[in-house]
């Protein structure tokens, strides 16, 4: 059996189209890529997909990889971007589903009990999330909450159900 190849040799071979060399790079970095994606995406399924997509994108971008630069940070940046994109996409899909579930019916019909419950649960979850933010981040969100004031006792306001 031959000597283990160093990373720069594997990168050089992979840049020239050697899929076996890239496979070795993937094997060497798949654990840290998954962990990075998991921390950002928040769930294993999205983390696996983000890591896999990150490896595919890195393969396609190897021609732009700066020779001599460390591979791991470059790869992990690609994986992190993929995980962020998945998290944003999941948030948009959840928002659209919630919006569809809570849309006011046409005419004078009252909202369904399901829609009312979802709305109340969302308001409670949103208040809890906003109130858990550091003060400087709540300051940014406060104007979107209506009157622009930040309550002195956010936990008390959340308990009252005030958004």
Foldseek 3Di string as FASTA:
>chain_A
DDDDDDLLVLLVVLLVPPVVSLVVVCVVCVVVQLVLLCVLLVDNVQSVVLLVVLSVVCSVCSVVDDRPDDDNVVSSVSSNVSSNVNNVVVVVVVVVVLCVQQPDDPDDDDRDPVNVVSVLVVLLVVLVVLVPDPPVVVQVCQVVLPPSDDDPDSVVCSVVSRD
